[in-house]
């Protein structure tokens, strides 16, 4: 593999030639530094390296990691990876082959370093997506096609996601939040399977500790800090620990009768998967502000209309059943 990745380089030792040791083969390869920049990329991969996200491939790798791997495979062991990482390189003598290229991360990073990058995959979707991502594009044609798609199917979809803000103004819904529910085995009351009443938090809570909490009593949505062990709902004054929901592991505790029961047994009795309850939404206001709000009856009505529209269209949706087996029974 190294002969195809690395430019020729040798050291003389005991009258014989041996390959020069590369940076990635030495203890000086900056694994910790690569991990730090990879963590930053991992939270917003589609922003830092959007070209690999043209298609929603199932297993995407980090571009920063593969840039470091290629550089570590060609640089001598005395080079500083952190410095070389941000420099321009012309590695036209280096050939890189990725026989399982997936979304094309290896091919793209090697190409940016000037390598001769070769990729293949048994999946034709992977091959096509990489060809489109890394091939020539007609921007005008692309924007024209997007405008037609937006005016057609896009407009129909946007109408399905219209809702209202706290003042009753029409706005767009960005996300809807659902929670699974099961009936209590002792009193029959529906129990929300919240492991925690905190349902929205920042990826870096140490930097941005603000979270969104769903009130366990009235369903109001309000802000708190992730460090809070007790919060009070500004609407109903209910005081509770936002990190302790009814569901804990395989069991749940009913807020109505205060008795615990096994979740799986409650599901098996119905013979159906757990039900879902719509409890919150994230909206984009006319002022371009994002707000978390409780779901309303109108939102539930809109969801039923979407379901009816889906049934009316008779789209060719998959209807196959899962074959019985260990993993199927786990589901």
C-alpha atoms as a PDB file:
ATOM      1  CA  UNK A   1       0.000   0.000   0.000  1.00  0.00           C
ATOM      2  CA  UNK A   2       2.802   2.424   0.913  1.00  0.00           C
ATOM      3  CA  UNK A   3       4.454   2.042  -2.483  1.00  0.00           C
ATOM      4  CA  UNK A   4       1.302   3.421  -4.103  1.00  0.00           C
ATOM      5  CA  UNK A   5       0.897   6.230  -1.609  1.00  0.00           C
ATOM      6  CA  UNK A   6       4.388   7.513  -0.970  1.00  0.00           C
ATOM      7  CA  UNK A   7       6.933   9.244  -3.161  1.00  0.00           C
ATOM      8  CA  UNK A   8      10.246   7.441  -3.403  1.00  0.00           C
ATOM      9  CA  UNK A   9      12.619   8.060  -0.499  1.00  0.00           C
ATOM     10  CA  UNK A  10      15.316   5.871   1.073  1.00  0.00           C
ATOM     11  CA  UNK A  11      17.863   5.898   3.863  1.00  0.00           C
ATOM     12  CA  UNK A  12      21.212   4.050   3.713  1.00  0.00           C
ATOM     13  CA  UNK A  13      21.721   1.699   6.641  1.00  0.00           C
ATOM     14  CA  UNK A  14      24.377  -1.021   7.064  1.00  0.00           C
ATOM     15  CA  UNK A  15      25.200  -0.979   3.392  1.00  0.00           C
ATOM     16  CA  UNK A  16      21.580  -1.453   2.285  1.00  0.00           C
ATOM     17  CA  UNK A  17      18.764   0.829   1.283  1.00  0.00           C
ATOM     18  CA  UNK A  18      15.614   0.945   3.366  1.00  0.00           C
ATOM     19  CA  UNK A  19      12.513   3.127   2.852  1.00  0.00           C
ATOM     20  CA  UNK A  20      12.606   6.441   4.667  1.00  0.00           C
ATOM     21  CA  UNK A  21      10.241   6.465   7.620  1.00  0.00           C
ATOM     22  CA  UNK A  22       7.202   8.625   7.087  1.00  0.00           C
ATOM     23  CA  UNK A  23       5.501  10.887   9.597  1.00  0.00           C
ATOM     24  CA  UNK A  24       2.495   8.608  10.088  1.00  0.00           C
ATOM     25  CA  UNK A  25       4.839   5.736  11.033  1.00  0.00           C
ATOM     26  CA  UNK A  26       6.516   7.719  13.810  1.00  0.00           C
ATOM     27  CA  UNK A  27       5.576   8.694  17.351  1.00  0.00           C
ATOM     28  CA  UNK A  28       5.675  12.359  16.325  1.00  0.00           C
ATOM     29  CA  UNK A  29       2.469  12.065  14.259  1.00  0.00           C
ATOM     30  CA  UNK A  30       0.096  14.525  15.972  1.00  0.00           C
ATOM     31  CA  UNK A  31      -2.824  12.226  16.762  1.00  0.00           C
ATOM     32  CA  UNK A  32      -4.141  14.460  19.559  1.00  0.00           C
ATOM     33  CA  UNK A  33      -4.046  17.562  17.355  1.00  0.00           C
ATOM     34  CA  UNK A  34      -5.885  15.785  14.543  1.00  0.00           C
ATOM     35  CA  UNK A  35      -8.518  14.620  17.036  1.00  0.00           C
ATOM     36  CA  UNK A  36      -9.132  18.198  18.185  1.00  0.00           C
ATOM     37  CA  UNK A  37      -9.762  19.612  14.706  1.00  0.00           C
ATOM     38  CA  UNK A  38     -11.734  16.503  13.718  1.00  0.00           C
ATOM     39  CA  UNK A  39     -14.070  17.023  16.680  1.00  0.00           C
ATOM     40  CA  UNK A  40     -14.818  20.564  15.504  1.00  0.00           C
ATOM     41  CA  UNK A  41     -15.568  19.317  11.980  1.00  0.00           C
ATOM     42  CA  UNK A  42     -17.686  16.426  13.221  1.00  0.00           C
ATOM     43  CA  UNK A  43     -20.416  18.637  14.652  1.00  0.00           C
ATOM     44  CA  UNK A  44     -21.042  20.488  11.375  1.00  0.00           C
ATOM     45  CA  UNK A  45     -19.581  18.288   8.644  1.00  0.00           C
ATOM     46  CA  UNK A  46     -21.933  19.644   5.991  1.00  0.00           C
ATOM     47  CA  UNK A  47     -20.681  23.202   6.677  1.00  0.00           C
ATOM     48  CA  UNK A  48     -16.937  22.569   6.849  1.00  0.00           C
ATOM     49  CA  UNK A  49     -16.803  20.206   3.846  1.00  0.00           C
ATOM     50  CA  UNK A  50     -20.101  20.511   1.981  1.00  0.00           C
ATOM     51  CA  UNK A  51     -18.918  18.820  -1.221  1.00  0.00           C
ATOM     52  CA  UNK A  52     -19.079  15.371   0.423  1.00  0.00           C
ATOM     53  CA  UNK A  53     -22.683  15.963   1.509  1.00  0.00           C
ATOM     54  CA  UNK A  54     -24.279  16.325  -1.896  1.00  0.00           C
ATOM     55  CA  UNK A  55     -25.813  12.910  -1.256  1.00  0.00           C
ATOM     56  CA  UNK A  56     -26.864  11.657   2.175  1.00  0.00           C
ATOM     57  CA  UNK A  57     -24.422   8.748   2.288  1.00  0.00           C
ATOM     58  CA  UNK A  58     -24.763   6.482   5.309  1.00  0.00           C
ATOM     59  CA  UNK A  59     -21.158   6.440   6.580  1.00  0.00           C
ATOM     60  CA  UNK A  60     -19.272   9.680   6.042  1.00  0.00           C
ATOM     61  CA  UNK A  61     -15.691  10.107   7.182  1.00  0.00           C
ATOM     62  CA  UNK A  62     -14.051  13.344   8.277  1.00  0.00           C
ATOM     63  CA  UNK A  63     -12.070  15.245   5.659  1.00  0.00           C
ATOM     64  CA  UNK A  64      -9.602  16.579   8.237  1.00  0.00           C
ATOM     65  CA  UNK A  65      -8.681  13.032   9.255  1.00  0.00           C
ATOM     66  CA  UNK A  66      -8.028  11.902   5.682  1.00  0.00           C
ATOM     67  CA  UNK A  67      -6.061  15.024   4.827  1.00  0.00           C
ATOM     68  CA  UNK A  68      -3.874  14.229   7.840  1.00  0.00           C
ATOM     69  CA  UNK A  69      -3.520  10.589   6.786  1.00  0.00           C
ATOM     70  CA  UNK A  70      -2.422  11.464   3.251  1.00  0.00           C
ATOM     71  CA  UNK A  71       0.027  14.103   4.475  1.00  0.00           C
ATOM     72  CA  UNK A  72       1.376  11.768   7.132  1.00  0.00           C
ATOM     73  CA  UNK A  73       1.934   9.113   4.468  1.00  0.00           C
ATOM     74  CA  UNK A  74       4.088  11.354   2.262  1.00  0.00           C
ATOM     75  CA  UNK A  75       5.883  13.656   4.707  1.00  0.00           C
ATOM     76  CA  UNK A  76       9.110  12.570   6.433  1.00  0.00           C
ATOM     77  CA  UNK A  77       8.994  11.951  10.167  1.00  0.00           C
ATOM     78  CA  UNK A  78      10.701  15.253  11.029  1.00  0.00           C
ATOM     79  CA  UNK A  79       7.887  17.390   9.563  1.00  0.00           C
ATOM     80  CA  UNK A  80       5.309  19.253  11.661  1.00  0.00           C
ATOM     81  CA  UNK A  81       1.819  18.075  10.708  1.00  0.00           C
ATOM     82  CA  UNK A  82       0.053  21.095  12.197  1.00  0.00           C
ATOM     83  CA  UNK A  83       2.103  23.427  10.001  1.00  0.00           C
ATOM     84  CA  UNK A  84       1.883  21.288   6.856  1.00  0.00           C
ATOM     85  CA  UNK A  85      -1.867  20.814   7.256  1.00  0.00           C
ATOM     86  CA  UNK A  86      -2.667  24.404   6.216  1.00  0.00           C
ATOM     87  CA  UNK A  87      -0.022  24.734   3.527  1.00  0.00           C
ATOM     88  CA  UNK A  88      -0.468  24.187  -0.204  1.00  0.00           C
ATOM     89  CA  UNK A  89       1.039  21.011  -1.612  1.00  0.00           C
ATOM     90  CA  UNK A  90       1.760  19.614  -5.049  1.00  0.00           C
ATOM     91  CA  UNK A  91       1.809  15.837  -4.699  1.00  0.00           C
ATOM     92  CA  UNK A  92       1.294  14.992  -8.348  1.00  0.00           C
ATOM     93  CA  UNK A  93       3.779  12.088  -8.092  1.00  0.00           C
ATOM     94  CA  UNK A  94       1.634  10.435  -5.413  1.00  0.00           C
ATOM     95  CA  UNK A  95      -1.160   8.058  -6.407  1.00  0.00           C
ATOM     96  CA  UNK A  96      -3.974   7.324  -3.952  1.00  0.00           C
ATOM     97  CA  UNK A  97      -6.471   4.507  -4.503  1.00  0.00           C
ATOM     98  CA  UNK A  98      -9.644   4.131  -2.450  1.00  0.00           C
ATOM     99  CA  UNK A  99     -11.410   0.907  -3.520  1.00  0.00           C
ATOM    100  CA  UNK A 100     -14.350   1.615  -1.154  1.00  0.00           C
ATOM    101  CA  UNK A 101     -14.753   5.348  -1.732  1.00  0.00           C
ATOM    102  CA  UNK A 102     -18.316   5.837  -0.439  1.00  0.00           C
ATOM    103  CA  UNK A 103     -19.062   9.567  -0.443  1.00  0.00           C
ATOM    104  CA  UNK A 104     -15.572  10.336  -1.793  1.00  0.00           C
ATOM    105  CA  UNK A 105     -13.830  11.863   1.218  1.00  0.00           C
ATOM    106  CA  UNK A 106     -10.478  10.170   0.524  1.00  0.00           C
ATOM    107  CA  UNK A 107     -10.611  10.970  -3.181  1.00  0.00           C
ATOM    108  CA  UNK A 108     -11.533  14.603  -2.543  1.00  0.00           C
ATOM    109  CA  UNK A 109      -8.874  15.253   0.095  1.00  0.00           C
ATOM    110  CA  UNK A 110      -6.163  13.566  -1.972  1.00  0.00           C
ATOM    111  CA  UNK A 111      -7.218  15.590  -5.011  1.00  0.00           C
ATOM    112  CA  UNK A 112      -6.985  18.861  -3.053  1.00  0.00           C
ATOM    113  CA  UNK A 113      -3.399  17.952  -2.150  1.00  0.00           C
ATOM    114  CA  UNK A 114      -2.567  17.485  -5.839  1.00  0.00           C
ATOM    115  CA  UNK A 115      -2.426  13.692  -5.775  1.00  0.00           C
ATOM    116  CA  UNK A 116      -3.593  11.449  -8.592  1.00  0.00           C
ATOM    117  CA  UNK A 117      -6.745  10.253  -6.855  1.00  0.00           C
ATOM    118  CA  UNK A 118      -8.491   7.055  -7.945  1.00  0.00           C
ATOM    119  CA  UNK A 119     -11.696   5.715  -6.461  1.00  0.00           C
ATOM    120  CA  UNK A 120     -14.166   2.910  -7.031  1.00  0.00           C
ATOM    121  CA  UNK A 121     -17.087   1.348  -5.197  1.00  0.00           C
ATOM    122  CA  UNK A 122     -19.391  -1.614  -5.662  1.00  0.00           C
ATOM    123  CA  UNK A 123     -22.374   0.679  -5.005  1.00  0.00           C
ATOM    124  CA  UNK A 124     -23.380   2.615  -8.154  1.00  0.00           C
ATOM    125  CA  UNK A 125     -24.975   5.353  -6.018  1.00  0.00           C
ATOM    126  CA  UNK A 126     -21.582   6.087  -4.451  1.00  0.00           C
ATOM    127  CA  UNK A 127     -19.922   6.250  -7.866  1.00  0.00           C
ATOM    128  CA  UNK A 128     -22.551   8.581  -9.277  1.00  0.00           C
ATOM    129  CA  UNK A 129     -22.584  10.921  -6.273  1.00  0.00           C
ATOM    130  CA  UNK A 130     -18.786  11.273  -6.302  1.00  0.00           C
ATOM    131  CA  UNK A 131     -18.784  11.910 -10.051  1.00  0.00           C
ATOM    132  CA  UNK A 132     -21.307  14.705  -9.588  1.00  0.00           C
ATOM    133  CA  UNK A 133     -19.619  16.135  -6.488  1.00  0.00           C
ATOM    134  CA  UNK A 134     -16.131  16.281  -7.964  1.00  0.00           C
ATOM    135  CA  UNK A 135     -17.073  16.768 -11.621  1.00  0.00           C
ATOM    136  CA  UNK A 136     -17.813  19.966 -13.587  1.00  0.00           C
ATOM    137  CA  UNK A 137     -21.093  21.736 -12.842  1.00  0.00           C
ATOM    138  CA  UNK A 138     -23.084  24.304 -14.792  1.00  0.00           C
ATOM    139  CA  UNK A 139     -24.073  26.775 -12.081  1.00  0.00           C
ATOM    140  CA  UNK A 140     -26.756  28.505 -14.135  1.00  0.00           C
ATOM    141  CA  UNK A 141     -28.389  25.203 -15.062  1.00  0.00           C
ATOM    142  CA  UNK A 142     -28.186  24.048 -11.436  1.00  0.00           C
ATOM    143  CA  UNK A 143     -29.830  27.217 -10.084  1.00  0.00           C
ATOM    144  CA  UNK A 144     -32.532  27.057 -12.762  1.00  0.00           C
ATOM    145  CA  UNK A 145     -33.331  23.448 -11.858  1.00  0.00           C
ATOM    146  CA  UNK A 146     -33.466  24.354  -8.162  1.00  0.00           C
ATOM    147  CA  UNK A 147     -35.836  27.258  -8.858  1.00  0.00           C
ATOM    148  CA  UNK A 148     -38.208  24.930 -10.741  1.00  0.00           C
ATOM    149  CA  UNK A 149     -38.073  22.347  -7.950  1.00  0.00           C
ATOM    150  CA  UNK A 150     -38.669  25.024  -5.298  1.00  0.00           C
ATOM    151  CA  UNK A 151     -41.656  26.487  -7.157  1.00  0.00           C
ATOM    152  CA  UNK A 152     -43.206  23.051  -7.656  1.00  0.00           C
ATOM    153  CA  UNK A 153     -42.717  20.365  -5.027  1.00  0.00           C
ATOM    154  CA  UNK A 154     -40.962  22.818  -2.696  1.00  0.00           C
ATOM    155  CA  UNK A 155     -43.969  25.119  -2.475  1.00  0.00           C
ATOM    156  CA  UNK A 156     -46.287  22.203  -1.727  1.00  0.00           C
ATOM    157  CA  UNK A 157     -43.986  20.969   1.030  1.00  0.00           C
ATOM    158  CA  UNK A 158     -43.622  24.417   2.605  1.00  0.00           C
ATOM    159  CA  UNK A 159     -47.387  24.740   2.915  1.00  0.00           C
ATOM    160  CA  UNK A 160     -47.433  21.500   4.916  1.00  0.00           C
ATOM    161  CA  UNK A 161     -44.976  23.013   7.405  1.00  0.00           C
ATOM    162  CA  UNK A 162     -46.790  26.274   8.047  1.00  0.00           C
ATOM    163  CA  UNK A 163     -47.654  26.972  11.671  1.00  0.00           C
ATOM    164  CA  UNK A 164     -48.053  29.952  14.008  1.00  0.00           C
ATOM    165  CA  UNK A 165     -45.755  31.599  16.513  1.00  0.00           C
ATOM    166  CA  UNK A 166     -46.602  32.646  20.077  1.00  0.00           C
ATOM    167  CA  UNK A 167     -48.476  35.720  18.789  1.00  0.00           C
ATOM    168  CA  UNK A 168     -50.529  33.775  16.257  1.00  0.00           C
ATOM    169  CA  UNK A 169     -48.542  34.972  13.237  1.00  0.00           C
ATOM    170  CA  UNK A 170     -48.081  32.493  10.387  1.00  0.00           C
ATOM    171  CA  UNK A 171     -44.508  31.191  10.152  1.00  0.00           C
ATOM    172  CA  UNK A 172     -42.512  28.144   9.054  1.00  0.00           C
ATOM    173  CA  UNK A 173     -41.919  25.104  11.253  1.00  0.00           C
ATOM    174  CA  UNK A 174     -38.322  23.892  11.120  1.00  0.00           C
ATOM    175  CA  UNK A 175     -38.738  20.861  13.396  1.00  0.00           C
ATOM    176  CA  UNK A 176     -41.481  19.043  15.252  1.00  0.00           C
ATOM    177  CA  UNK A 177     -40.694  17.113  18.440  1.00  0.00           C
ATOM    178  CA  UNK A 178     -42.433  13.867  19.405  1.00  0.00           C
ATOM    179  CA  UNK A 179     -42.258  11.617  22.459  1.00  0.00           C
ATOM    180  CA  UNK A 180     -43.185   7.935  22.670  1.00  0.00           C
ATOM    181  CA  UNK A 181     -46.040   7.065  25.024  1.00  0.00           C
ATOM    182  CA  UNK A 182     -47.296   3.828  26.625  1.00  0.00           C
ATOM    183  CA  UNK A 183     -50.166   3.050  28.946  1.00  0.00           C
ATOM    184  CA  UNK A 184     -49.353   2.518  32.623  1.00  0.00           C
ATOM    185  CA  UNK A 185     -49.802  -1.146  33.585  1.00  0.00           C
ATOM    186  CA  UNK A 186     -51.403  -0.146  36.903  1.00  0.00           C
ATOM    187  CA  UNK A 187     -53.771   2.752  36.171  1.00  0.00           C
ATOM    188  CA  UNK A 188     -53.914   2.862  32.365  1.00  0.00           C
ATOM    189  CA  UNK A 189     -52.828   6.513  32.086  1.00  0.00           C
ATOM    190  CA  UNK A 190     -50.657   7.405  29.069  1.00  0.00           C
ATOM    191  CA  UNK A 191     -47.047   7.921  30.155  1.00  0.00           C
ATOM    192  CA  UNK A 192     -44.597  10.027  28.145  1.00  0.00           C
ATOM    193  CA  UNK A 193     -41.335   8.102  27.866  1.00  0.00           C
ATOM    194  CA  UNK A 194     -39.098  11.104  28.495  1.00  0.00           C
ATOM    195  CA  UNK A 195     -35.753   9.975  29.923  1.00  0.00           C
ATOM    196  CA  UNK A 196     -35.185  13.703  30.495  1.00  0.00           C
ATOM    197  CA  UNK A 197     -37.407  16.753  30.099  1.00  0.00           C
ATOM    198  CA  UNK A 198     -34.450  18.513  28.446  1.00  0.00           C
ATOM    199  CA  UNK A 199     -35.079  17.971  24.736  1.00  0.00           C
ATOM    200  CA  UNK A 200     -32.815  20.559  23.050  1.00  0.00           C
ATOM    201  CA  UNK A 201     -29.259  21.454  23.962  1.00  0.00           C
ATOM    202  CA  UNK A 202     -26.121  22.803  22.308  1.00  0.00           C
ATOM    203  CA  UNK A 203     -23.418  20.431  21.097  1.00  0.00           C
ATOM    204  CA  UNK A 204     -20.960  22.312  23.346  1.00  0.00           C
ATOM    205  CA  UNK A 205     -22.833  22.708  26.659  1.00  0.00           C
ATOM    206  CA  UNK A 206     -19.758  24.083  28.442  1.00  0.00           C
ATOM    207  CA  UNK A 207     -19.753  27.044  26.066  1.00  0.00           C
ATOM    208  CA  UNK A 208     -23.526  27.382  25.647  1.00  0.00           C
ATOM    209  CA  UNK A 209     -25.282  25.884  28.687  1.00  0.00           C
ATOM    210  CA  UNK A 210     -28.792  27.046  27.717  1.00  0.00           C
ATOM    211  CA  UNK A 211     -31.257  24.198  27.145  1.00  0.00           C
ATOM    212  CA  UNK A 212     -34.966  23.850  26.345  1.00  0.00           C
ATOM    213  CA  UNK A 213     -37.226  22.076  28.818  1.00  0.00           C
ATOM    214  CA  UNK A 214     -40.730  20.658  28.489  1.00  0.00           C
ATOM    215  CA  UNK A 215     -42.777  21.160  31.661  1.00  0.00           C
ATOM    216  CA  UNK A 216     -43.820  17.806  33.066  1.00  0.00           C
ATOM    217  CA  UNK A 217     -47.171  19.204  34.249  1.00  0.00           C
ATOM    218  CA  UNK A 218     -48.543  21.665  31.665  1.00  0.00           C
ATOM    219  CA  UNK A 219     -46.310  20.979  28.638  1.00  0.00           C
ATOM    220  CA  UNK A 220     -44.974  24.545  28.464  1.00  0.00           C
ATOM    221  CA  UNK A 221     -41.596  25.013  26.754  1.00  0.00           C
ATOM    222  CA  UNK A 222     -39.045  27.210  28.511  1.00  0.00           C
ATOM    223  CA  UNK A 223     -35.298  27.848  28.793  1.00  0.00           C
ATOM    224  CA  UNK A 224     -32.980  26.719  31.581  1.00  0.00           C
ATOM    225  CA  UNK A 225     -29.312  25.966  32.175  1.00  0.00           C
ATOM    226  CA  UNK A 226     -27.949  22.473  31.738  1.00  0.00           C
ATOM    227  CA  UNK A 227     -26.496  22.699  35.249  1.00  0.00           C
ATOM    228  CA  UNK A 228     -29.924  23.300  36.831  1.00  0.00           C
ATOM    229  CA  UNK A 229     -30.988  20.460  39.116  1.00  0.00           C
ATOM    230  CA  UNK A 230     -34.377  22.060  39.745  1.00  0.00           C
ATOM    231  CA  UNK A 231     -36.450  24.395  37.566  1.00  0.00           C
ATOM    232  CA  UNK A 232     -39.804  26.150  37.893  1.00  0.00           C
ATOM    233  CA  UNK A 233     -42.179  26.385  34.953  1.00  0.00           C
ATOM    234  CA  UNK A 234     -42.950  30.078  34.306  1.00  0.00           C
ATOM    235  CA  UNK A 235     -46.513  29.139  33.291  1.00  0.00           C
ATOM    236  CA  UNK A 236     -47.732  26.807  36.030  1.00  0.00           C
ATOM    237  CA  UNK A 237     -44.975  27.149  38.710  1.00  0.00           C
ATOM    238  CA  UNK A 238     -44.358  23.376  38.707  1.00  0.00           C
ATOM    239  CA  UNK A 239     -40.911  22.725  40.222  1.00  0.00           C
ATOM    240  CA  UNK A 240     -39.003  19.620  39.142  1.00  0.00           C
ATOM    241  CA  UNK A 241     -35.648  18.150  38.135  1.00  0.00           C
ATOM    242  CA  UNK A 242     -35.485  18.557  34.316  1.00  0.00           C
ATOM    243  CA  UNK A 243     -32.980  15.716  33.978  1.00  0.00           C
ATOM    244  CA  UNK A 244     -35.270  13.063  35.506  1.00  0.00           C
ATOM    245  CA  UNK A 245     -38.066  11.917  33.228  1.00  0.00           C
ATOM    246  CA  UNK A 246     -40.554   9.042  33.697  1.00  0.00           C
ATOM    247  CA  UNK A 247     -38.438   6.613  31.635  1.00  0.00           C
ATOM    248  CA  UNK A 248     -35.249   5.154  33.089  1.00  0.00           C
ATOM    249  CA  UNK A 249     -33.658   2.227  31.297  1.00  0.00           C
ATOM    250  CA  UNK A 250     -36.185  -0.575  30.807  1.00  0.00           C
ATOM    251  CA  UNK A 251     -38.722   0.835  33.271  1.00  0.00           C
ATOM    252  CA  UNK A 252     -41.025   3.844  33.569  1.00  0.00           C
ATOM    253  CA  UNK A 253     -42.720   5.485  36.527  1.00  0.00           C
ATOM    254  CA  UNK A 254     -46.267   6.710  36.044  1.00  0.00           C
ATOM    255  CA  UNK A 255     -46.662  10.377  37.096  1.00  0.00           C
ATOM    256  CA  UNK A 256     -50.328   9.691  37.896  1.00  0.00           C
ATOM    257  CA  UNK A 257     -50.150   6.694  40.265  1.00  0.00           C
ATOM    258  CA  UNK A 258     -46.392   6.918  41.019  1.00  0.00           C
ATOM    259  CA  UNK A 259     -45.893   3.192  40.371  1.00  0.00           C
ATOM    260  CA  UNK A 260     -43.118   1.738  38.210  1.00  0.00           C
ATOM    261  CA  UNK A 261     -43.645  -0.772  35.412  1.00  0.00           C
ATOM    262  CA  UNK A 262     -41.569  -2.458  32.649  1.00  0.00           C
ATOM    263  CA  UNK A 263     -41.889  -0.579  29.362  1.00  0.00           C
ATOM    264  CA  UNK A 264     -41.524  -3.661  27.174  1.00  0.00           C
ATOM    265  CA  UNK A 265     -44.394  -5.434  28.917  1.00  0.00           C
ATOM    266  CA  UNK A 266     -46.636  -2.382  28.433  1.00  0.00           C
ATOM    267  CA  UNK A 267     -45.809  -2.396  24.722  1.00  0.00           C
ATOM    268  CA  UNK A 268     -46.337  -6.143  24.311  1.00  0.00           C
ATOM    269  CA  UNK A 269     -49.830  -5.969  25.805  1.00  0.00           C
ATOM    270  CA  UNK A 270     -50.981  -3.624  23.034  1.00  0.00           C
ATOM    271  CA  UNK A 271     -49.401  -5.708  20.264  1.00  0.00           C
ATOM    272  CA  UNK A 272     -48.418  -2.436  18.584  1.00  0.00           C
ATOM    273  CA  UNK A 273     -45.382  -0.133  18.653  1.00  0.00           C
ATOM    274  CA  UNK A 274     -45.580   2.715  21.215  1.00  0.00           C
ATOM    275  CA  UNK A 275     -47.764   5.678  20.262  1.00  0.00           C
ATOM    276  CA  UNK A 276     -46.246   9.124  19.708  1.00  0.00           C
ATOM    277  CA  UNK A 277     -47.322  12.510  21.058  1.00  0.00           C
ATOM    278  CA  UNK A 278     -46.440  15.824  19.412  1.00  0.00           C
ATOM    279  CA  UNK A 279     -45.233  18.144  22.191  1.00  0.00           C
ATOM    280  CA  UNK A 280     -43.037  20.932  20.753  1.00  0.00           C
ATOM    281  CA  UNK A 281     -41.893  22.715  17.619  1.00  0.00           C
ATOM    282  CA  UNK A 282     -39.045  24.929  16.446  1.00  0.00           C
ATOM    283  CA  UNK A 283     -40.311  27.792  14.289  1.00  0.00           C
ATOM    284  CA  UNK A 284     -38.684  30.467  12.146  1.00  0.00           C
ATOM    285  CA  UNK A 285     -40.419  33.796  12.678  1.00  0.00           C
ATOM    286  CA  UNK A 286     -40.808  36.574  10.109  1.00  0.00           C
ATOM    287  CA  UNK A 287     -37.897  38.314  11.856  1.00  0.00           C
ATOM    288  CA  UNK A 288     -35.705  35.244  11.149  1.00  0.00           C
ATOM    289  CA  UNK A 289     -35.655  34.275  14.844  1.00  0.00           C
ATOM    290  CA  UNK A 290     -35.759  30.628  15.903  1.00  0.00           C
ATOM    291  CA  UNK A 291     -38.180  29.901  18.739  1.00  0.00           C
ATOM    292  CA  UNK A 292     -39.071  26.715  20.613  1.00  0.00           C
ATOM    293  CA  UNK A 293     -42.802  26.590  21.329  1.00  0.00           C
ATOM    294  CA  UNK A 294     -45.346  24.058  22.594  1.00  0.00           C
ATOM    295  CA  UNK A 295     -47.263  22.191  19.911  1.00  0.00           C
ATOM    296  CA  UNK A 296     -50.897  23.248  19.470  1.00  0.00           C
ATOM    297  CA  UNK A 297     -54.142  21.582  18.422  1.00  0.00           C
ATOM    298  CA  UNK A 298     -53.721  23.237  15.028  1.00  0.00           C
ATOM    299  CA  UNK A 299     -50.329  21.495  14.649  1.00  0.00           C
ATOM    300  CA  UNK A 300     -51.967  18.151  15.395  1.00  0.00           C
ATOM    301  CA  UNK A 301     -54.673  18.917  12.832  1.00  0.00           C
ATOM    302  CA  UNK A 302     -52.027  19.843  10.256  1.00  0.00           C
ATOM    303  CA  UNK A 303     -50.285  16.513  10.867  1.00  0.00           C
ATOM    304  CA  UNK A 304     -53.530  14.592  10.296  1.00  0.00           C
ATOM    305  CA  UNK A 305     -54.055  16.511   7.048  1.00  0.00           C
ATOM    306  CA  UNK A 306     -50.519  15.572   5.956  1.00  0.00           C
ATOM    307  CA  UNK A 307     -51.292  11.924   6.679  1.00  0.00           C
ATOM    308  CA  UNK A 308     -54.506  12.148   4.666  1.00  0.00           C
ATOM    309  CA  UNK A 309     -52.666  13.818   1.779  1.00  0.00           C
ATOM    310  CA  UNK A 310     -50.030  11.086   1.811  1.00  0.00           C
ATOM    311  CA  UNK A 311     -52.709   8.398   1.662  1.00  0.00           C
ATOM    312  CA  UNK A 312     -54.563  10.217  -1.137  1.00  0.00           C
ATOM    313  CA  UNK A 313     -51.446  10.537  -3.334  1.00  0.00           C
ATOM    314  CA  UNK A 314     -50.849   6.770  -3.277  1.00  0.00           C
ATOM    315  CA  UNK A 315     -47.092   7.199  -3.556  1.00  0.00           C
ATOM    316  CA  UNK A 316     -45.012   4.047  -4.183  1.00  0.00           C
ATOM    317  CA  UNK A 317     -43.879   3.691  -0.562  1.00  0.00           C
ATOM    318  CA  UNK A 318     -42.141   0.495   0.649  1.00  0.00           C
ATOM    319  CA  UNK A 319     -44.563  -1.979   2.211  1.00  0.00           C
ATOM    320  CA  UNK A 320     -42.281  -4.966   2.828  1.00  0.00           C
ATOM    321  CA  UNK A 321     -42.324  -6.658   6.221  1.00  0.00           C
ATOM    322  CA  UNK A 322     -39.173  -7.430   8.188  1.00  0.00           C
ATOM    323  CA  UNK A 323     -38.212 -11.093   8.088  1.00  0.00           C
ATOM    324  CA  UNK A 324     -38.441 -12.713  11.508  1.00  0.00           C
ATOM    325  CA  UNK A 325     -35.120 -13.074  13.294  1.00  0.00           C
ATOM    326  CA  UNK A 326     -33.124 -11.995  16.343  1.00  0.00           C
ATOM    327  CA  UNK A 327     -32.631  -8.374  15.248  1.00  0.00           C
ATOM    328  CA  UNK A 328     -36.263  -8.048  14.145  1.00  0.00           C
ATOM    329  CA  UNK A 329     -37.482  -9.247  17.531  1.00  0.00           C
ATOM    330  CA  UNK A 330     -35.139  -6.741  19.217  1.00  0.00           C
ATOM    331  CA  UNK A 331     -36.882  -3.948  17.303  1.00  0.00           C
END
